[in-house]
C-alpha cells in the first residue's frame, strides 16, 4: 500500500514511476520528506537503493538537496 515503508522502498529500488506517482498523490511529505521508519529523507533512500530512475523522478519533482 502507498505510504508503507516496504512498498515505497520497493518502488524506489525498482524505479517504479507509477507507484511513486501514486504515493506522491496521496502523501503530503513524499517525495520531499522523511520516511517514518528510519527518519531518512526519501531522496537518501533512493540514492542508497541505487535507482537512477527514482532519483531522476524525485529531482524532477523538485526535491531540495540542500539539507542537513
PDB file of N, CA and C in Angstrom:
ATOM      1  N   UNK A   1       0.845  -1.177   0.000  1.00  0.00           N
ATOM      2  CA  UNK A   1       0.000   0.000   0.000  1.00  0.00           C
ATOM      3  C   UNK A   1       0.891   1.241   0.000  1.00  0.00           C
ATOM      4  N   UNK A   2       0.564   2.266  -0.775  1.00  0.00           N
ATOM      5  CA  UNK A   2       1.341   3.505  -0.771  1.00  0.00           C
ATOM      6  C   UNK A   2       1.396   4.087   0.641  1.00  0.00           C
ATOM      7  N   UNK A   3       2.555   4.571   1.020  1.00  0.00           N
ATOM      8  CA  UNK A   3       2.740   5.108   2.365  1.00  0.00           C
ATOM      9  C   UNK A   3       3.456   4.127   3.273  1.00  0.00           C
ATOM     10  N   UNK A   4       3.423   2.847   2.911  1.00  0.00           N
ATOM     11  CA  UNK A   4       4.113   1.814   3.666  1.00  0.00           C
ATOM     12  C   UNK A   4       5.599   1.829   3.294  1.00  0.00           C
ATOM     13  N   UNK A   5       6.469   1.744   4.299  1.00  0.00           N
ATOM     14  CA  UNK A   5       7.911   1.822   4.070  1.00  0.00           C
ATOM     15  C   UNK A   5       8.377   0.776   3.060  1.00  0.00           C
ATOM     16  N   UNK A   6       7.989  -0.474   3.247  1.00  0.00           N
ATOM     17  CA  UNK A   6       8.432  -1.536   2.336  1.00  0.00           C
ATOM     18  C   UNK A   6       7.912  -1.318   0.915  1.00  0.00           C
ATOM     19  N   UNK A   7       6.676  -0.871   0.804  1.00  0.00           N
ATOM     20  CA  UNK A   7       6.087  -0.591  -0.512  1.00  0.00           C
ATOM     21  C   UNK A   7       6.892   0.508  -1.219  1.00  0.00           C
ATOM     22  N   UNK A   8       7.160   1.579  -0.485  1.00  0.00           N
ATOM     23  CA  UNK A   8       7.865   2.710  -1.092  1.00  0.00           C
ATOM     24  C   UNK A   8       9.312   2.402  -1.391  1.00  0.00           C
ATOM     25  N   UNK A   9      10.006   1.711  -0.501  1.00  0.00           N
ATOM     26  CA  UNK A   9      11.395   1.378  -0.800  1.00  0.00           C
ATOM     27  C   UNK A   9      11.480   0.397  -1.967  1.00  0.00           C
ATOM     28  N   UNK A  10      10.491  -0.486  -2.082  1.00  0.00           N
ATOM     29  CA  UNK A  10      10.443  -1.368  -3.248  1.00  0.00           C
ATOM     30  C   UNK A  10      10.250  -0.585  -4.526  1.00  0.00           C
ATOM     31  N   UNK A  11       9.340   0.383  -4.494  1.00  0.00           N
ATOM     32  CA  UNK A  11       9.099   1.225  -5.673  1.00  0.00           C
ATOM     33  C   UNK A  11      10.342   2.052  -6.011  1.00  0.00           C
ATOM     34  N   UNK A  12      11.013   2.573  -4.994  1.00  0.00           N
ATOM     35  CA  UNK A  12      12.250   3.333  -5.224  1.00  0.00           C
ATOM     36  C   UNK A  12      13.332   2.430  -5.811  1.00  0.00           C
ATOM     37  N   UNK A  13      13.512   1.258  -5.240  1.00  0.00           N
ATOM     38  CA  UNK A  13      14.536   0.316  -5.708  1.00  0.00           C
ATOM     39  C   UNK A  13      14.286  -0.079  -7.167  1.00  0.00           C
ATOM     40  N   UNK A  14      13.003  -0.329  -7.494  1.00  0.00           N
ATOM     41  CA  UNK A  14      12.647  -0.786  -8.834  1.00  0.00           C
ATOM     42  C   UNK A  14      12.498   0.347  -9.847  1.00  0.00           C
ATOM     43  N   UNK A  15      12.511   1.588  -9.378  1.00  0.00           N
ATOM     44  CA  UNK A  15      12.286   2.713 -10.287  1.00  0.00           C
ATOM     45  C   UNK A  15      10.882   2.697 -10.854  1.00  0.00           C
ATOM     46  N   UNK A  16       9.919   2.254 -10.051  1.00  0.00           N
ATOM     47  CA  UNK A  16       8.528   2.118 -10.485  1.00  0.00           C
ATOM     48  C   UNK A  16       7.826   3.479 -10.395  1.00  0.00           C
ATOM     49  N   UNK A  17       7.888   4.214 -11.475  1.00  0.00           N
ATOM     50  CA  UNK A  17       7.374   5.585 -11.507  1.00  0.00           C
ATOM     51  C   UNK A  17       5.870   5.628 -11.248  1.00  0.00           C
ATOM     52  N   UNK A  18       5.138   4.655 -11.724  1.00  0.00           N
ATOM     53  CA  UNK A  18       3.687   4.622 -11.491  1.00  0.00           C
ATOM     54  C   UNK A  18       3.384   4.563  -9.985  1.00  0.00           C
ATOM     55  N   UNK A  19       4.084   3.709  -9.267  1.00  0.00           N
ATOM     56  CA  UNK A  19       3.876   3.610  -7.817  1.00  0.00           C
ATOM     57  C   UNK A  19       4.346   4.867  -7.098  1.00  0.00           C
ATOM     58  N   UNK A  20       5.447   5.447  -7.563  1.00  0.00           N
ATOM     59  CA  UNK A  20       5.949   6.677  -6.948  1.00  0.00           C
ATOM     60  C   UNK A  20       4.953   7.821  -7.148  1.00  0.00           C
ATOM     61  N   UNK A  21       4.397   7.923  -8.340  1.00  0.00           N
ATOM     62  CA  UNK A  21       3.384   8.953  -8.615  1.00  0.00           C
ATOM     63  C   UNK A  21       2.156   8.748  -7.732  1.00  0.00           C
ATOM     64  N   UNK A  22       1.737   7.499  -7.578  1.00  0.00           N
ATOM     65  CA  UNK A  22       0.592   7.195  -6.728  1.00  0.00           C
ATOM     66  C   UNK A  22       0.855   7.635  -5.289  1.00  0.00           C
ATOM     67  N   UNK A  23       2.033   7.292  -4.784  1.00  0.00           N
ATOM     68  CA  UNK A  23       2.386   7.670  -3.413  1.00  0.00           C
ATOM     69  C   UNK A  23       2.436   9.186  -3.258  1.00  0.00           C
ATOM     70  N   UNK A  24       3.006   9.864  -4.241  1.00  0.00           N
ATOM     71  CA  UNK A  24       3.105  11.326  -4.177  1.00  0.00           C
ATOM     72  C   UNK A  24       1.727  11.978  -4.184  1.00  0.00           C
ATOM     73  N   UNK A  25       0.764  11.339  -4.830  1.00  0.00           N
ATOM     74  CA  UNK A  25      -0.574  11.921  -4.908  1.00  0.00           C
ATOM     75  C   UNK A  25      -1.354  11.800  -3.601  1.00  0.00           C
ATOM     76  N   UNK A  26      -0.970  10.849  -2.746  1.00  0.00           N
ATOM     77  CA  UNK A  26      -1.722  10.663  -1.501  1.00  0.00           C
ATOM     78  C   UNK A  26      -0.935  11.005  -0.234  1.00  0.00           C
ATOM     79  N   UNK A  27       0.376  11.213  -0.369  1.00  0.00           N
ATOM     80  CA  UNK A  27       1.208  11.530   0.799  1.00  0.00           C
ATOM     81  C   UNK A  27       1.678  12.972   0.721  1.00  0.00           C
ATOM     82  N   UNK A  28       1.451  13.726   1.770  1.00  0.00           N
ATOM     83  CA  UNK A  28       1.853  15.133   1.784  1.00  0.00           C
ATOM     84  C   UNK A  28       3.369  15.326   1.760  1.00  0.00           C
ATOM     85  N   UNK A  29       4.114  14.389   2.350  1.00  0.00           N
ATOM     86  CA  UNK A  29       5.558  14.576   2.503  1.00  0.00           C
ATOM     87  C   UNK A  29       6.396  13.670   1.599  1.00  0.00           C
ATOM     88  N   UNK A  30       5.812  13.197   0.525  1.00  0.00           N
ATOM     89  CA  UNK A  30       6.560  12.370  -0.414  1.00  0.00           C
ATOM     90  C   UNK A  30       6.542  13.010  -1.787  1.00  0.00           C
ATOM     91  N   UNK A  31       7.664  13.185  -2.412  1.00  0.00           N
ATOM     92  CA  UNK A  31       8.982  12.641  -2.120  1.00  0.00           C
ATOM     93  C   UNK A  31       9.896  13.565  -1.307  1.00  0.00           C
ATOM     94  N   UNK A  32       9.397  14.699  -0.886  1.00  0.00           N
ATOM     95  CA  UNK A  32      10.246  15.702  -0.229  1.00  0.00           C
ATOM     96  C   UNK A  32      10.670  15.323   1.190  1.00  0.00           C
ATOM     97  N   UNK A  33       9.846  14.631   1.924  1.00  0.00           N
ATOM     98  CA  UNK A  33      10.074  14.437   3.350  1.00  0.00           C
ATOM     99  C   UNK A  33      10.941  13.248   3.715  1.00  0.00           C
ATOM    100  N   UNK A  34      10.706  12.772   4.931  1.00  0.00           N
ATOM    101  CA  UNK A  34      11.445  11.646   5.505  1.00  0.00           C
ATOM    102  C   UNK A  34      10.506  10.465   5.707  1.00  0.00           C
ATOM    103  N   UNK A  35      11.101   9.270   5.656  1.00  0.00           N
ATOM    104  CA  UNK A  35      10.282   8.096   5.950  1.00  0.00           C
ATOM    105  C   UNK A  35      10.044   8.005   7.459  1.00  0.00           C
ATOM    106  N   UNK A  36       8.993   7.328   7.848  1.00  0.00           N
ATOM    107  CA  UNK A  36       8.636   7.203   9.261  1.00  0.00           C
ATOM    108  C   UNK A  36       9.406   6.098   9.976  1.00  0.00           C
ATOM    109  N   UNK A  37      10.079   5.233   9.227  1.00  0.00           N
ATOM    110  CA  UNK A  37      10.758   4.090   9.829  1.00  0.00           C
ATOM    111  C   UNK A  37      12.185   4.439  10.260  1.00  0.00           C
ATOM    112  N   UNK A  38      13.002   4.929   9.330  1.00  0.00           N
ATOM    113  CA  UNK A  38      14.397   5.246   9.651  1.00  0.00           C
ATOM    114  C   UNK A  38      14.631   6.739   9.833  1.00  0.00           C
ATOM    115  N   UNK A  39      13.607   7.550   9.478  1.00  0.00           N
ATOM    116  CA  UNK A  39      13.685   9.019   9.517  1.00  0.00           C
ATOM    117  C   UNK A  39      14.693   9.572   8.507  1.00  0.00           C
ATOM    118  N   UNK A  40      15.016   8.776   7.488  1.00  0.00           N
ATOM    119  CA  UNK A  40      15.890   9.229   6.400  1.00  0.00           C
ATOM    120  C   UNK A  40      15.057   9.961   5.364  1.00  0.00           C
ATOM    121  N   UNK A  41      15.666  10.927   4.721  1.00  0.00           N
ATOM    122  CA  UNK A  41      14.980  11.604   3.624  1.00  0.00           C
ATOM    123  C   UNK A  41      14.770  10.600   2.494  1.00  0.00           C
ATOM    124  N   UNK A  42      13.649  10.720   1.819  1.00  0.00           N
ATOM    125  CA  UNK A  42      13.336   9.781   0.741  1.00  0.00           C
ATOM    126  C   UNK A  42      14.392   9.801  -0.357  1.00  0.00           C
ATOM    127  N   UNK A  43      14.960  10.959  -0.650  1.00  0.00           N
ATOM    128  CA  UNK A  43      15.996  11.031  -1.688  1.00  0.00           C
ATOM    129  C   UNK A  43      17.229  10.238  -1.262  1.00  0.00           C
ATOM    130  N   UNK A  44      17.548  10.246   0.021  1.00  0.00           N
ATOM    131  CA  UNK A  44      18.685   9.456   0.519  1.00  0.00           C
ATOM    132  C   UNK A  44      18.386   7.965   0.366  1.00  0.00           C
ATOM    133  N   UNK A  45      17.153   7.572   0.665  1.00  0.00           N
ATOM    134  CA  UNK A  45      16.770   6.174   0.452  1.00  0.00           C
ATOM    135  C   UNK A  45      16.934   5.792  -1.014  1.00  0.00           C
ATOM    136  N   UNK A  46      16.513   6.653  -1.916  1.00  0.00           N
ATOM    137  CA  UNK A  46      16.632   6.363  -3.352  1.00  0.00           C
ATOM    138  C   UNK A  46      18.099   6.225  -3.750  1.00  0.00           C
ATOM    139  N   UNK A  47      18.939   7.101  -3.224  1.00  0.00           N
ATOM    140  CA  UNK A  47      20.377   7.025  -3.525  1.00  0.00           C
ATOM    141  C   UNK A  47      20.950   5.727  -2.975  1.00  0.00           C
ATOM    142  N   UNK A  48      20.615   5.400  -1.728  1.00  0.00           N
ATOM    143  CA  UNK A  48      21.103   4.159  -1.113  1.00  0.00           C
ATOM    144  C   UNK A  48      20.665   2.924  -1.887  1.00  0.00           C
ATOM    145  N   UNK A  49      19.465   2.976  -2.447  1.00  0.00           N
ATOM    146  CA  UNK A  49      18.936   1.840  -3.203  1.00  0.00           C
ATOM    147  C   UNK A  49      19.494   1.769  -4.626  1.00  0.00           C
ATOM    148  N   UNK A  50      20.138   2.849  -5.071  1.00  0.00           N
ATOM    149  CA  UNK A  50      20.837   2.852  -6.352  1.00  0.00           C
ATOM    150  C   UNK A  50      19.969   2.940  -7.589  1.00  0.00           C
ATOM    151  N   UNK A  51      18.779   3.492  -7.462  1.00  0.00           N
ATOM    152  CA  UNK A  51      17.891   3.581  -8.612  1.00  0.00           C
ATOM    153  C   UNK A  51      17.988   4.949  -9.280  1.00  0.00           C
ATOM    154  N   UNK A  52      18.654   4.992 -10.415  1.00  0.00           N
ATOM    155  CA  UNK A  52      18.796   6.238 -11.154  1.00  0.00           C
ATOM    156  C   UNK A  52      17.436   6.768 -11.599  1.00  0.00           C
ATOM    157  N   UNK A  53      16.537   5.870 -12.012  1.00  0.00           N
ATOM    158  CA  UNK A  53      15.202   6.295 -12.461  1.00  0.00           C
ATOM    159  C   UNK A  53      14.453   6.995 -11.333  1.00  0.00           C
ATOM    160  N   UNK A  54      14.516   6.448 -10.126  1.00  0.00           N
ATOM    161  CA  UNK A  54      13.832   7.064  -8.985  1.00  0.00           C
ATOM    162  C   UNK A  54      14.456   8.402  -8.620  1.00  0.00           C
ATOM    163  N   UNK A  55      15.763   8.468  -8.654  1.00  0.00           N
ATOM    164  CA  UNK A  55      16.455   9.723  -8.334  1.00  0.00           C
ATOM    165  C   UNK A  55      16.078  10.793  -9.349  1.00  0.00           C
ATOM    166  N   UNK A  56      16.076  10.445 -10.619  1.00  0.00           N
ATOM    167  CA  UNK A  56      15.683  11.407 -11.666  1.00  0.00           C
ATOM    168  C   UNK A  56      14.244  11.875 -11.457  1.00  0.00           C
ATOM    169  N   UNK A  57      13.356  10.941 -11.134  1.00  0.00           N
ATOM    170  CA  UNK A  57      11.952  11.289 -10.905  1.00  0.00           C
ATOM    171  C   UNK A  57      11.845  12.260  -9.732  1.00  0.00           C
ATOM    172  N   UNK A  58      12.558  11.977  -8.648  1.00  0.00           N
ATOM    173  CA  UNK A  58      12.499  12.836  -7.460  1.00  0.00           C
ATOM    174  C   UNK A  58      13.053  14.223  -7.758  1.00  0.00           C
ATOM    175  N   UNK A  59      14.149  14.288  -8.486  1.00  0.00           N
ATOM    176  CA  UNK A  59      14.713  15.595  -8.847  1.00  0.00           C
ATOM    177  C   UNK A  59      13.742  16.358  -9.746  1.00  0.00           C
ATOM    178  N   UNK A  60      13.054  15.644 -10.622  1.00  0.00           N
ATOM    179  CA  UNK A  60      12.042  16.260 -11.468  1.00  0.00           C
ATOM    180  C   UNK A  60      10.862  16.810 -10.675  1.00  0.00           C
ATOM    181  N   UNK A  61      10.635  16.237  -9.514  1.00  0.00           N
ATOM    182  CA  UNK A  61       9.573  16.712  -8.617  1.00  0.00           C
ATOM    183  C   UNK A  61      10.039  17.890  -7.757  1.00  0.00           C
ATOM    184  N   UNK A  62      11.303  18.275  -7.914  1.00  0.00           N
ATOM    185  CA  UNK A  62      11.814  19.444  -7.202  1.00  0.00           C
ATOM    186  C   UNK A  62      12.305  19.171  -5.786  1.00  0.00           C
ATOM    187  N   UNK A  63      12.690  17.925  -5.506  1.00  0.00           N
ATOM    188  CA  UNK A  63      13.211  17.605  -4.175  1.00  0.00           C
ATOM    189  C   UNK A  63      14.439  18.470  -3.891  1.00  0.00           C
ATOM    190  N   UNK A  64      14.420  19.150  -2.769  1.00  0.00           N
ATOM    191  CA  UNK A  64      15.511  20.033  -2.359  1.00  0.00           C
ATOM    192  C   UNK A  64      16.677  19.199  -1.856  1.00  0.00           C
ATOM    193  N   UNK A  65      17.856  19.436  -2.397  1.00  0.00           N
ATOM    194  CA  UNK A  65      19.043  18.697  -1.987  1.00  0.00           C
ATOM    195  C   UNK A  65      19.876  19.437  -0.943  1.00  0.00           C
ATOM    196  N   UNK A  66      19.438  20.603  -0.553  1.00  0.00           N
ATOM    197  CA  UNK A  66      20.144  21.383   0.482  1.00  0.00           C
ATOM    198  C   UNK A  66      19.506  21.084   1.832  1.00  0.00           C
ATOM    199  N   UNK A  67      20.041  20.061   2.492  1.00  0.00           N
ATOM    200  CA  UNK A  67      19.519  19.667   3.790  1.00  0.00           C
ATOM    201  C   UNK A  67      20.654  19.162   4.666  1.00  0.00           C
ATOM    202  N   UNK A  68      20.366  19.049   5.938  1.00  0.00           N
ATOM    203  CA  UNK A  68      21.368  18.543   6.899  1.00  0.00           C
ATOM    204  C   UNK A  68      20.772  17.431   7.685  1.00  0.00           C
TER     205      UNK A  68
END
